[in-house]
Amino acid sequence: MSATTTALSKHWPKAQMPVPKAAQIHYLSKPQLDRVLKINHFLIGAFQHSISNIKENLSGTYLFLLTDSDGVLIAMDHSCDLTDEVQQSPIRLGMIFTAKSCGVNAISETMDQHKPIFLPPELHENPLFQTWHCYATPLSVGLKHSGYLDVSTINADLQSELIAIAKLIPAFMQNSYQSLQASQATGQTSVEFTDRQLTILEMISNGLTVKAIALKLKIKECTVNHHKKVIFNKLGVQSSTEAVSMASRLSYL
């Protein structure tokens, strides 16, 4: 277990641990969440595409959160070393990041102040976030205010990089969002892939396993799985077989 993972396991409360009553976390119901996800599908797609491009160049431990304009978590991503911790934490889609729901946090502060906010660990009310350095910013994607972006790290030394990343993502999202809207408006079925995603898609079509792809590309297996997840989302499929079939029909293979 790495030093980073050990620190997270020690300081990030597990899902089964109670949250203080003053900061009881609230979530949308599944029907409510499904409706919110449908309304924000362009925004979510733009976020996923942008994070996919940026993650390949990151070496630190990061957590990326996207909420709608009401502070409801609609998408998230993270570095590979956070997989177990995120799965065990209370953070999941539908979580409401207002101060009333989970205490003062970077997203609730940027919602209240309508400007980018950097929040160090000691200023978070909820123990869930009290080892995290968080930078949150309002998002104006398309022609209107769309939601909020939060980029967080547990490493204080990465503060400058954290802010730089958080400032880059909205520009990537704007371009991706406009591309998605344009495709729908013209009735196109085109899907935008990165070079790495196309390479992995071709390897999947050739029958390579996740382990084999990771060895061949000299990347982690969790990174391959992340790319597969993004590829499946972009193609609207649930399995490798469906992905290969859809990609073939769209002339990507």
Protein backbone atom coordinates (compact mmCIF):
# COMPACT_ATOMS: atom_id res chain seq x y z
CA MET A 1 0.00 0.00 0.00
CA SER A 2 1.44 3.40 -1.00
CA ALA A 3 2.01 6.24 1.48
CA THR A 4 -0.76 8.19 -0.23
CA THR A 5 -3.24 5.32 0.03
CA THR A 6 -2.26 4.73 3.66
CA ALA A 7 -2.90 8.39 4.45
CA LEU A 8 -6.27 8.26 2.74
CA SER A 9 -7.29 5.09 4.52
CA LYS A 10 -6.36 6.66 7.84
CA HIS A 11 -7.94 10.08 7.37
CA TRP A 12 -10.88 9.65 4.99
CA PRO A 13 -13.96 8.31 6.83
CA LYS A 14 -15.40 5.07 5.48
CA ALA A 15 -18.94 4.92 4.13
CA GLN A 16 -20.18 3.07 7.20
CA MET A 17 -18.86 5.71 9.63
CA PRO A 18 -21.49 8.23 10.83
CA VAL A 19 -21.31 11.82 9.63
CA PRO A 20 -21.82 14.47 12.36
CA LYS A 21 -25.45 15.48 12.67
CA ALA A 22 -24.61 19.11 11.91
CA ALA A 23 -23.40 18.05 8.49
CA GLN A 24 -25.65 15.16 7.51
CA ILE A 25 -25.17 14.43 3.82
CA HIS A 26 -28.25 14.51 1.59
CA TYR A 27 -28.76 12.78 -1.78
CA LEU A 28 -31.31 12.96 -4.56
CA SER A 29 -33.61 9.99 -4.99
CA LYS A 30 -32.88 7.75 -7.98
CA PRO A 31 -35.79 9.12 -10.09
CA GLN A 32 -34.67 12.68 -9.32
CA LEU A 33 -31.06 11.85 -10.15
CA ASP A 34 -31.99 10.13 -13.41
CA ARG A 35 -33.87 13.26 -14.47
CA VAL A 36 -30.95 15.55 -13.57
CA LEU A 37 -28.45 13.33 -15.41
CA LYS A 38 -30.62 13.36 -18.52
CA ILE A 39 -30.94 17.15 -18.46
CA ASN A 40 -27.17 17.55 -18.09
CA HIS A 41 -25.98 14.85 -20.48
CA PHE A 42 -24.04 17.30 -22.70
CA LEU A 43 -22.29 18.80 -19.67
CA ILE A 44 -21.41 15.35 -18.33
CA GLY A 45 -20.07 14.26 -21.71
CA ALA A 46 -17.91 17.37 -21.96
CA PHE A 47 -16.56 16.76 -18.44
CA GLN A 48 -15.72 13.11 -19.12
CA HIS A 49 -13.97 13.94 -22.37
CA SER A 50 -11.95 16.77 -20.80
CA ILE A 51 -10.86 14.77 -17.74
CA SER A 52 -9.87 11.85 -19.96
CA ASN A 53 -7.49 14.10 -21.88
CA ILE A 54 -6.00 15.71 -18.78
CA LYS A 55 -5.57 12.58 -16.60
CA GLU A 56 -2.98 11.05 -18.90
CA ASN A 57 -0.54 13.83 -17.96
CA LEU A 58 -1.07 13.79 -14.20
CA SER A 59 1.09 12.00 -11.66
CA GLY A 60 -0.46 13.27 -8.42
CA THR A 61 -3.54 12.16 -6.48
CA TYR A 62 -6.62 14.06 -7.67
CA LEU A 63 -10.38 13.95 -7.31
CA PHE A 64 -12.58 15.67 -9.93
CA LEU A 65 -16.20 16.54 -9.15
CA LEU A 66 -18.89 18.04 -11.39
CA THR A 67 -22.18 19.32 -10.01
CA ASP A 68 -25.19 20.91 -11.64
CA SER A 69 -26.23 24.48 -10.87
CA ASP A 70 -27.91 23.29 -7.64
CA GLY A 71 -24.77 21.60 -6.33
CA VAL A 72 -25.90 18.04 -7.13
CA LEU A 73 -23.01 15.72 -8.03
CA ILE A 74 -23.58 14.51 -11.60
CA ALA A 75 -20.11 13.21 -12.57
CA MET A 76 -16.80 12.42 -10.92
CA ASP A 77 -13.39 11.01 -11.73
CA HIS A 78 -10.13 10.44 -9.87
CA SER A 79 -6.57 9.20 -10.12
CA CYS A 80 -6.09 5.44 -10.09
CA ASP A 81 -4.81 5.28 -6.52
CA LEU A 82 -8.13 6.58 -5.18
CA THR A 83 -10.37 3.84 -6.57
CA ASP A 84 -10.86 1.89 -3.31
CA GLU A 85 -11.20 5.00 -1.16
CA VAL A 86 -13.80 6.61 -3.43
CA GLN A 87 -15.83 3.40 -3.55
CA GLN A 88 -15.83 3.20 0.27
CA SER A 89 -16.62 6.89 0.83
CA PRO A 90 -20.09 8.52 0.93
CA ILE A 91 -19.28 10.46 -2.24
CA ARG A 92 -21.54 9.25 -5.04
CA LEU A 93 -23.73 10.66 -7.79
CA GLY A 94 -26.73 12.52 -6.42
CA MET A 95 -24.82 13.87 -3.41
CA ILE A 96 -25.79 17.49 -2.69
CA PHE A 97 -22.80 19.76 -2.01
CA THR A 98 -24.63 22.65 -0.36
CA ALA A 99 -23.44 23.73 3.10
CA LYS A 100 -26.78 22.59 4.53
CA SER A 101 -26.23 19.08 3.16
CA CYS A 102 -22.59 18.42 3.99
CA GLY A 103 -21.15 21.46 5.74
CA VAL A 104 -19.03 24.25 4.29
CA ASN A 105 -16.96 22.99 1.37
CA ALA A 106 -15.33 24.47 -1.73
CA ILE A 107 -18.41 23.92 -3.92
CA SER A 108 -20.82 25.41 -1.39
CA GLU A 109 -18.54 28.43 -1.02
CA THR A 110 -18.29 29.08 -4.76
CA MET A 111 -22.07 28.67 -4.99
CA ASP A 112 -22.51 31.36 -2.31
CA GLN A 113 -19.82 33.75 -3.56
CA HIS A 114 -20.21 33.21 -7.33
CA LYS A 115 -16.47 33.08 -7.90
CA PRO A 116 -13.60 30.53 -7.83
CA ILE A 117 -12.70 29.44 -4.30
CA PHE A 118 -9.66 27.63 -2.88
CA LEU A 119 -10.46 25.90 0.42
CA PRO A 120 -7.72 24.31 2.55
CA PRO A 121 -8.48 21.25 4.74
CA GLU A 122 -8.97 23.16 7.98
CA LEU A 123 -11.82 25.27 6.56
CA HIS A 124 -14.03 22.30 5.67
CA GLU A 125 -16.75 21.57 8.24
CA ASN A 126 -17.27 17.93 7.33
CA PRO A 127 -14.52 15.46 8.42
CA LEU A 128 -14.91 13.81 5.02
CA PHE A 129 -13.03 16.72 3.41
CA GLN A 130 -10.66 17.76 6.19
CA THR A 131 -7.54 16.29 4.53
CA TRP A 132 -8.33 17.82 1.13
CA HIS A 133 -7.12 20.96 -0.61
CA CYS A 134 -10.00 21.92 -2.91
CA TYR A 135 -10.42 24.43 -5.71
CA ALA A 136 -13.95 24.98 -7.01
CA THR A 137 -15.16 27.25 -9.78
CA PRO A 138 -18.49 28.10 -11.42
CA LEU A 139 -18.95 26.70 -14.93
CA SER A 140 -20.45 28.61 -17.83
CA VAL A 141 -20.59 26.04 -20.59
CA GLY A 142 -22.57 26.89 -23.69
CA LEU A 143 -24.50 30.14 -23.25
CA LYS A 144 -25.47 29.91 -19.58
CA HIS A 145 -24.27 29.04 -16.11
CA SER A 146 -24.25 25.24 -16.01
CA GLY A 147 -22.79 24.05 -12.73
CA TYR A 148 -19.65 23.81 -10.64
CA LEU A 149 -16.29 22.08 -10.99
CA ASP A 150 -14.16 20.95 -8.04
CA VAL A 151 -10.59 19.67 -8.30
CA SER A 152 -9.09 18.35 -5.07
CA THR A 153 -5.82 16.86 -3.84
CA ILE A 154 -4.50 15.70 -0.47
CA ASN A 155 -1.00 16.96 -1.28
CA ALA A 156 -0.40 20.57 -0.19
CA ASP A 157 2.66 20.74 -2.45
CA LEU A 158 0.39 20.37 -5.49
CA GLN A 159 -1.63 23.51 -4.75
CA SER A 160 -0.31 25.49 -7.74
CA GLU A 161 -0.83 22.54 -10.09
CA LEU A 162 -4.30 21.99 -8.61
CA ILE A 163 -5.38 25.54 -9.45
CA ALA A 164 -3.81 25.41 -12.91
CA ILE A 165 -5.69 22.18 -13.72
CA ALA A 166 -8.98 23.58 -12.42
CA LYS A 167 -8.55 26.63 -14.65
CA LEU A 168 -7.78 24.53 -17.73
CA ILE A 169 -10.73 22.14 -17.54
CA PRO A 170 -13.55 24.67 -18.22
CA ALA A 171 -11.93 25.69 -21.53
CA PHE A 172 -11.67 22.04 -22.58
CA MET A 173 -15.26 21.49 -21.53
CA GLN A 174 -16.51 24.50 -23.50
CA ASN A 175 -15.01 23.16 -26.73
CA SER A 176 -16.28 19.63 -26.12
CA TYR A 177 -19.77 20.86 -25.16
CA GLN A 178 -20.08 22.92 -28.34
CA SER A 179 -18.90 19.97 -30.42
CA LEU A 180 -21.51 17.68 -28.86
CA GLN A 181 -24.28 20.21 -29.44
CA ALA A 182 -23.20 20.76 -33.04
CA SER A 183 -23.23 17.02 -33.71
CA GLN A 184 -26.78 16.69 -32.43
CA ALA A 185 -27.98 19.78 -34.32
CA THR A 186 -26.70 18.40 -37.63
CA GLY A 187 -27.88 14.86 -36.92
CA GLN A 188 -24.31 13.55 -36.99
CA THR A 189 -23.42 10.40 -35.09
CA SER A 190 -19.70 11.18 -34.88
CA VAL A 191 -17.86 10.40 -31.64
CA GLU A 192 -14.67 12.20 -30.65
CA PHE A 193 -11.88 9.94 -29.36
CA THR A 194 -8.35 10.73 -28.25
CA ASP A 195 -5.47 8.90 -29.99
CA ARG A 196 -4.97 6.77 -26.89
CA GLN A 197 -8.65 5.78 -26.80
CA LEU A 198 -8.57 4.80 -30.48
CA THR A 199 -5.47 2.69 -29.84
CA ILE A 200 -7.16 0.91 -26.93
CA LEU A 201 -10.35 0.46 -28.93
CA GLU A 202 -8.36 -1.23 -31.69
CA MET A 203 -6.60 -3.47 -29.16
CA ILE A 204 -9.96 -4.44 -27.68
CA SER A 205 -11.16 -5.36 -31.16
CA ASN A 206 -8.09 -7.59 -31.53
CA GLY A 207 -9.05 -9.48 -28.37
CA LEU A 208 -6.40 -8.12 -26.01
CA THR A 209 -7.17 -8.22 -22.29
CA VAL A 210 -6.86 -5.24 -19.98
CA LYS A 211 -3.62 -6.68 -18.60
CA ALA A 212 -2.19 -7.21 -22.07
CA ILE A 213 -3.12 -3.67 -23.14
CA ALA A 214 -1.55 -2.21 -20.00
CA LEU A 215 1.70 -4.12 -20.59
CA LYS A 216 1.84 -3.17 -24.25
CA LEU A 217 1.19 0.54 -23.62
CA LYS A 218 3.21 0.57 -20.37
CA ILE A 219 0.37 2.05 -18.34
CA LYS A 220 -1.57 0.88 -15.29
CA GLU A 221 -4.49 -1.53 -15.64
CA CYS A 222 -6.75 0.95 -13.86
CA THR A 223 -5.84 3.51 -16.53
CA VAL A 224 -6.89 1.06 -19.23
CA ASN A 225 -10.15 0.44 -17.39
CA HIS A 226 -10.74 4.19 -17.17
CA HIS A 227 -10.27 4.53 -20.94
CA LYS A 228 -12.62 1.60 -21.54
CA LYS A 229 -15.26 3.26 -19.37
CA VAL A 230 -14.96 6.51 -21.33
CA ILE A 231 -15.07 4.65 -24.66
CA PHE A 232 -18.20 2.75 -23.58
CA ASN A 233 -19.86 6.01 -22.46
CA LYS A 234 -19.09 7.74 -25.75
CA LEU A 235 -20.42 4.84 -27.79
CA GLY A 236 -23.42 4.29 -25.51
CA VAL A 237 -22.58 0.62 -24.90
CA GLN A 238 -22.06 -1.67 -21.91
CA SER A 239 -19.47 -4.22 -23.06
CA SER A 240 -16.37 -4.70 -25.20
CA THR A 241 -18.35 -6.73 -27.74
CA GLU A 242 -20.92 -3.95 -28.13
CA ALA A 243 -18.14 -1.35 -28.32
CA VAL A 244 -16.39 -3.17 -31.15
CA SER A 245 -19.67 -3.63 -33.02
CA MET A 246 -20.68 0.03 -32.63
CA ALA A 247 -17.20 1.32 -33.50
CA SER A 248 -17.21 -0.82 -36.65
CA ARG A 249 -20.58 0.58 -37.71
CA LEU A 250 -19.26 4.11 -37.20
CA SER A 251 -16.09 3.28 -39.21
CA TYR A 252 -13.64 3.69 -36.33
CA LEU A 253 -12.37 0.14 -36.85
